[in-house]
Protein backbone atom coordinates (compact mmCIF):
# COMPACT_ATOMS: atom_id res chain seq x y z
CA MET A 1 56.57 190.67 -108.48
CA ILE A 2 56.52 190.99 -104.69
CA ASP A 3 56.38 187.20 -104.35
CA GLN A 4 59.49 186.89 -106.52
CA LEU A 5 61.33 189.48 -104.42
CA LEU A 6 60.35 187.72 -101.20
CA SER A 7 61.48 184.40 -102.66
CA LYS A 8 64.86 185.88 -103.63
CA LEU A 9 65.23 187.40 -100.16
CA ARG A 10 64.50 184.03 -98.49
CA GLU A 11 67.00 182.34 -100.81
CA TYR A 12 69.65 184.96 -100.02
CA ARG A 13 69.10 184.59 -96.27
CA ALA A 14 69.25 180.78 -96.50
CA LYS A 15 72.56 180.89 -98.41
CA ARG A 16 73.96 183.38 -95.91
CA HIS A 17 72.89 181.11 -93.02
CA ILE A 18 74.53 178.07 -94.66
CA GLY A 19 77.67 180.18 -95.18
CA ARG A 20 77.79 180.94 -91.44
CA LEU A 21 77.42 177.21 -90.64
CA VAL A 22 80.28 176.39 -93.03
CA LYS A 23 82.46 178.93 -91.20
CA MET A 24 81.56 177.06 -87.97
CA GLY A 25 82.71 173.73 -89.44
CA LEU A 26 79.85 172.30 -91.52
CA ARG A 27 81.32 170.47 -94.53
CA ILE A 28 79.45 170.62 -97.85
CA GLY A 29 80.76 169.14 -101.08
CA ARG A 30 80.70 170.59 -104.59
CA GLY A 31 77.44 170.58 -106.50
CA THR A 32 75.36 169.97 -103.38
CA ASP A 33 72.01 171.73 -103.19
CA ILE A 34 70.44 172.48 -99.81
CA LEU A 35 66.90 173.71 -100.29
CA SER A 36 64.92 176.17 -98.22
CA GLY A 37 63.93 175.30 -94.68
CA ALA A 38 66.62 172.67 -94.07
CA PHE A 39 67.81 172.60 -90.44
CA LEU A 40 71.49 171.69 -90.07
CA ASP A 41 72.11 171.48 -86.31
CA PRO A 42 73.70 174.90 -85.73
CA SER A 43 75.08 174.03 -82.29
CA HIS A 44 76.98 171.00 -83.65
CA CYS A 45 77.22 171.70 -87.39
CA PHE A 46 80.94 170.80 -87.31
CA LEU A 47 79.82 167.17 -86.80
CA ILE A 48 77.94 167.21 -90.14
CA SER A 49 79.55 166.34 -93.46
CA ILE A 50 77.67 166.31 -96.78
CA GLY A 51 79.41 164.99 -99.89
CA ASP A 52 79.44 166.12 -103.50
CA ASN A 53 76.33 166.28 -105.70
CA CYS A 54 73.78 165.75 -102.94
CA ASN A 55 70.28 167.15 -102.77
CA ILE A 56 68.91 168.08 -99.35
CA ALA A 57 65.18 168.74 -99.84
CA PRO A 58 63.13 171.37 -97.98
CA ASN A 59 62.55 170.93 -94.25
CA VAL A 60 65.18 168.20 -93.82
CA ARG A 61 66.61 168.10 -90.29
CA LEU A 62 70.17 166.93 -89.65
CA ILE A 63 70.48 166.72 -85.86
CA ALA A 64 73.92 165.83 -84.50
CA HIS A 65 72.94 165.93 -80.83
CA ASP A 66 70.21 164.41 -78.65
CA ALA A 67 69.46 166.20 -75.40
CA SER A 68 66.44 164.05 -74.48
CA MET A 69 68.16 162.71 -71.35
CA LEU A 70 69.56 166.06 -70.26
CA TRP A 71 67.36 166.56 -67.19
CA HIS A 72 67.85 162.99 -66.00
CA LEU A 73 71.51 162.30 -66.77
CA LYS A 74 72.88 165.83 -67.13
CA ALA A 75 74.30 164.75 -70.50
CA ALA A 76 73.48 164.91 -74.21
CA ARG A 77 74.37 162.31 -76.82
CA LEU A 78 76.49 163.50 -79.77
CA GLY A 79 77.23 161.83 -83.08
CA ARG A 80 78.63 162.64 -86.49
CA ILE A 81 76.31 162.71 -89.48
CA THR A 82 77.98 161.76 -92.73
CA ILE A 83 76.12 161.94 -96.01
CA HIS A 84 78.30 160.59 -98.80
CA ASP A 85 78.34 161.67 -102.47
CA ASN A 86 75.31 161.59 -104.77
CA CYS A 87 72.62 161.25 -102.10
CA PHE A 88 69.07 162.55 -102.07
CA ILE A 89 67.45 163.29 -98.71
CA GLY A 90 63.68 163.76 -99.19
CA ASP A 91 61.42 166.48 -97.86
CA SER A 92 61.04 166.59 -94.06
CA ALA A 93 63.36 163.64 -93.43
CA ILE A 94 65.15 163.64 -90.07
CA VAL A 95 68.68 162.25 -89.74
CA LEU A 96 69.75 161.63 -86.14
CA PRO A 97 73.20 161.58 -84.47
CA GLY A 98 75.70 158.91 -85.47
CA VAL A 99 74.18 158.12 -88.87
CA THR A 100 76.07 157.57 -92.12
CA ILE A 101 74.22 157.63 -95.44
CA GLY A 102 76.19 155.63 -98.00
CA PRO A 103 77.04 156.97 -101.45
CA ASP A 104 74.34 156.97 -104.15
CA SER A 105 71.51 156.50 -101.65
CA ILE A 106 68.02 157.94 -101.33
CA VAL A 107 66.16 158.70 -98.10
CA GLY A 108 62.40 159.02 -98.61
CA ALA A 109 60.36 162.04 -97.59
CA GLY A 110 59.31 162.09 -93.95
CA SER A 111 61.73 159.34 -92.92
CA VAL A 112 63.41 159.26 -89.52
CA VAL A 113 66.90 157.85 -90.01
CA THR A 114 68.23 156.30 -86.79
CA LYS A 115 70.72 153.82 -88.32
CA ASP A 116 73.20 153.82 -91.18
CA VAL A 117 71.95 153.50 -94.77
CA PRO A 118 74.18 151.29 -96.93
CA PRO A 119 75.58 152.50 -100.28
CA ARG A 120 73.21 152.42 -103.29
CA SER A 121 70.12 151.93 -101.12
CA VAL A 122 66.68 153.45 -100.79
CA ALA A 123 65.52 153.88 -97.19
CA ALA A 124 62.15 155.13 -95.97
CA GLY A 125 59.83 155.07 -92.99
CA ASN A 126 59.83 155.82 -89.28
CA PRO A 127 62.22 154.49 -88.30
CA ALA A 128 63.77 154.35 -91.75
CA ARG A 129 64.69 150.96 -93.13
CA VAL A 130 66.13 149.88 -96.46
CA ILE A 131 63.22 149.17 -98.80
CA SER A 132 65.12 148.67 -102.06
CA SER A 133 68.45 148.75 -103.76
CA LEU A 134 69.08 151.84 -105.85
CA ASP A 135 69.23 149.69 -109.02
CA ALA A 136 65.83 148.07 -108.33
CA PHE A 137 64.30 151.47 -107.52
CA LEU A 138 65.61 153.06 -110.72
CA GLY A 139 64.56 150.02 -112.78
CA LYS A 140 61.02 150.26 -111.43
CA HIS A 141 60.81 153.94 -112.38
CA ARG A 142 62.42 153.45 -115.81
CA GLN A 143 59.70 150.90 -116.50
CA GLY A 144 57.05 153.21 -115.04
CA MET A 145 58.14 156.03 -117.35
CA GLU A 146 57.41 153.87 -120.39
CA GLY A 147 53.66 153.92 -119.81
CA ALA A 148 53.31 157.23 -117.98
CA ARG A 149 52.99 160.81 -119.11
CA CYS A 150 56.37 162.55 -119.08
CA PHE A 151 56.31 166.34 -118.87
CA PRO A 152 59.40 168.14 -120.25
CA ILE A 153 60.95 170.39 -117.60
CA GLY A 154 61.42 173.24 -120.08
CA GLU A 155 57.65 173.70 -120.49
CA TYR A 156 56.32 172.54 -117.13
CA ASP A 157 58.81 173.87 -114.57
CA VAL A 158 57.16 175.95 -111.85
CA SER A 159 59.10 179.04 -112.97
CA VAL A 160 57.73 178.96 -116.54
CA ILE A 161 54.53 176.89 -116.57
CA SER A 162 51.49 178.55 -118.15
CA GLU A 163 47.94 178.28 -116.82
CA GLU A 164 47.12 176.10 -119.83
CA LYS A 165 49.98 173.69 -119.01
CA LYS A 166 48.92 173.60 -115.35
CA SER A 167 45.39 172.59 -116.38
CA GLU A 168 46.78 169.96 -118.74
CA MET A 169 48.98 168.52 -115.99
CA ILE A 170 46.09 168.43 -113.50
CA SER A 171 43.90 166.63 -116.02
CA CYS A 172 46.59 164.12 -117.08
CA LEU A 173 47.48 163.22 -113.49
CA GLU A 174 43.93 162.56 -112.31
CA GLY A 175 44.14 159.22 -110.48
CA ARG A 176 47.70 158.44 -111.64
CA THR A 177 51.26 159.69 -111.47
CA GLY A 178 53.59 160.90 -114.18
CA TYR A 179 57.15 162.18 -114.45
CA MET A 180 58.90 165.49 -114.94
CA LYS A 181 61.67 164.79 -117.42
CA GLY A 182 64.88 166.68 -118.08
CA ILE A 183 67.44 168.27 -115.84
CA LEU A 184 65.91 170.07 -112.90
């Protein structure tokens, strides 16, 4: 019970923080979900624009300024960050100043995005580079789902999963991957 209350408190504080950034000029589209721990450059949030139906995973960093040369040049580099509609930015990814993520694109977890990502692309790595088209990526996973264990979200979601289902999932995923299926 205390864990649930703490979780709700963290969620409330995060939404309140995002609300303050929006008042300072951050643009966020409809249906966009920004998960806990995301850092949206508070000093230059007005340079950040996130489209509709995006998912910004935990610990993502959107940094619209670079002060690395401050001591030497007495200047900081600034750049807009534009994330177009229907994008997914994976856990702990870093997006640097001046980057545009094209519509319907995916940025892999842990990536450092220093250059634009074209529409309908999958980019990953440090520095991030395009590794696949969105269509090829989705095709690979559609095919992968055919032979893999698919767990229905209604029974296996973290908010409802039983100890028995957890054990089943651990056993089924020994040495392989599976999929959580349904709307998250």
